[in-house]
């Protein structure tokens, strides 16, 4: 019974770590990919 409880506790703890890591990775990638660099395109006035 102790082994089963330890196994459940380790599974829950591992799941929490995985979720935190995945959330941080998604946020970092989202911030990096959200940056849109605008290029300066000069439009001629007479044409």
C-alpha atoms as a PDB file:
ATOM      1  CA  UNK A   1       0.000   0.000   0.000  1.00  0.00           C
ATOM      2  CA  UNK A   2       2.889   2.374   0.758  1.00  0.00           C
ATOM      3  CA  UNK A   3       4.410   1.702  -2.647  1.00  0.00           C
ATOM      4  CA  UNK A   4       1.132   2.552  -4.358  1.00  0.00           C
ATOM      5  CA  UNK A   5       0.842   5.833  -2.446  1.00  0.00           C
ATOM      6  CA  UNK A   6       4.437   6.767  -3.261  1.00  0.00           C
ATOM      7  CA  UNK A   7       3.892   5.950  -6.907  1.00  0.00           C
ATOM      8  CA  UNK A   8       0.776   8.121  -7.044  1.00  0.00           C
ATOM      9  CA  UNK A   9       2.610  10.995  -5.309  1.00  0.00           C
ATOM     10  CA  UNK A  10       5.539  10.774  -7.742  1.00  0.00           C
ATOM     11  CA  UNK A  11       3.163  10.684 -10.717  1.00  0.00           C
ATOM     12  CA  UNK A  12       1.315  13.784  -9.518  1.00  0.00           C
ATOM     13  CA  UNK A  13       4.569  15.634  -8.791  1.00  0.00           C
ATOM     14  CA  UNK A  14       5.967  14.713 -12.204  1.00  0.00           C
ATOM     15  CA  UNK A  15       2.789  15.867 -13.882  1.00  0.00           C
ATOM     16  CA  UNK A  16       2.996  19.208 -12.120  1.00  0.00           C
ATOM     17  CA  UNK A  17       6.617  19.666 -13.187  1.00  0.00           C
ATOM     18  CA  UNK A  18       5.786  18.740 -16.777  1.00  0.00           C
ATOM     19  CA  UNK A  19       2.853  21.160 -16.842  1.00  0.00           C
ATOM     20  CA  UNK A  20       4.960  24.015 -15.453  1.00  0.00           C
ATOM     21  CA  UNK A  21       7.740  23.345 -17.973  1.00  0.00           C
ATOM     22  CA  UNK A  22       5.282  23.157 -20.875  1.00  0.00           C
ATOM     23  CA  UNK A  23       3.569  26.386 -19.791  1.00  0.00           C
ATOM     24  CA  UNK A  24       6.908  28.226 -19.592  1.00  0.00           C
ATOM     25  CA  UNK A  25       7.979  26.928 -22.986  1.00  0.00           C
ATOM     26  CA  UNK A  26       4.713  27.969 -24.610  1.00  0.00           C
ATOM     27  CA  UNK A  27       4.887  31.451 -23.078  1.00  0.00           C
ATOM     28  CA  UNK A  28       8.481  32.002 -24.146  1.00  0.00           C
ATOM     29  CA  UNK A  29       7.814  30.827 -27.686  1.00  0.00           C
ATOM     30  CA  UNK A  30       4.656  32.937 -27.841  1.00  0.00           C
ATOM     31  CA  UNK A  31       6.511  36.060 -26.816  1.00  0.00           C
ATOM     32  CA  UNK A  32       9.286  35.463 -29.295  1.00  0.00           C
ATOM     33  CA  UNK A  33       6.992  34.663 -32.199  1.00  0.00           C
ATOM     34  CA  UNK A  34       4.630  37.527 -31.337  1.00  0.00           C
ATOM     35  CA  UNK A  35       7.245  40.101 -32.224  1.00  0.00           C
ATOM     36  CA  UNK A  36       6.514  41.516 -35.647  1.00  0.00           C
ATOM     37  CA  UNK A  37       9.281  43.558 -37.150  1.00  0.00           C
ATOM     38  CA  UNK A  38       8.024  46.198 -39.502  1.00  0.00           C
ATOM     39  CA  UNK A  39      10.157  46.938 -42.493  1.00  0.00           C
ATOM     40  CA  UNK A  40      10.335  50.511 -43.678  1.00  0.00           C
ATOM     41  CA  UNK A  41       8.938  50.514 -47.204  1.00  0.00           C
ATOM     42  CA  UNK A  42       9.150  53.855 -48.913  1.00  0.00           C
ATOM     43  CA  UNK A  43       6.333  54.442 -51.335  1.00  0.00           C
ATOM     44  CA  UNK A  44       7.109  56.943 -54.096  1.00  0.00           C
ATOM     45  CA  UNK A  45       4.796  59.936 -54.055  1.00  0.00           C
ATOM     46  CA  UNK A  46       4.533  60.267 -57.845  1.00  0.00           C
ATOM     47  CA  UNK A  47       3.910  56.808 -58.891  1.00  0.00           C
END
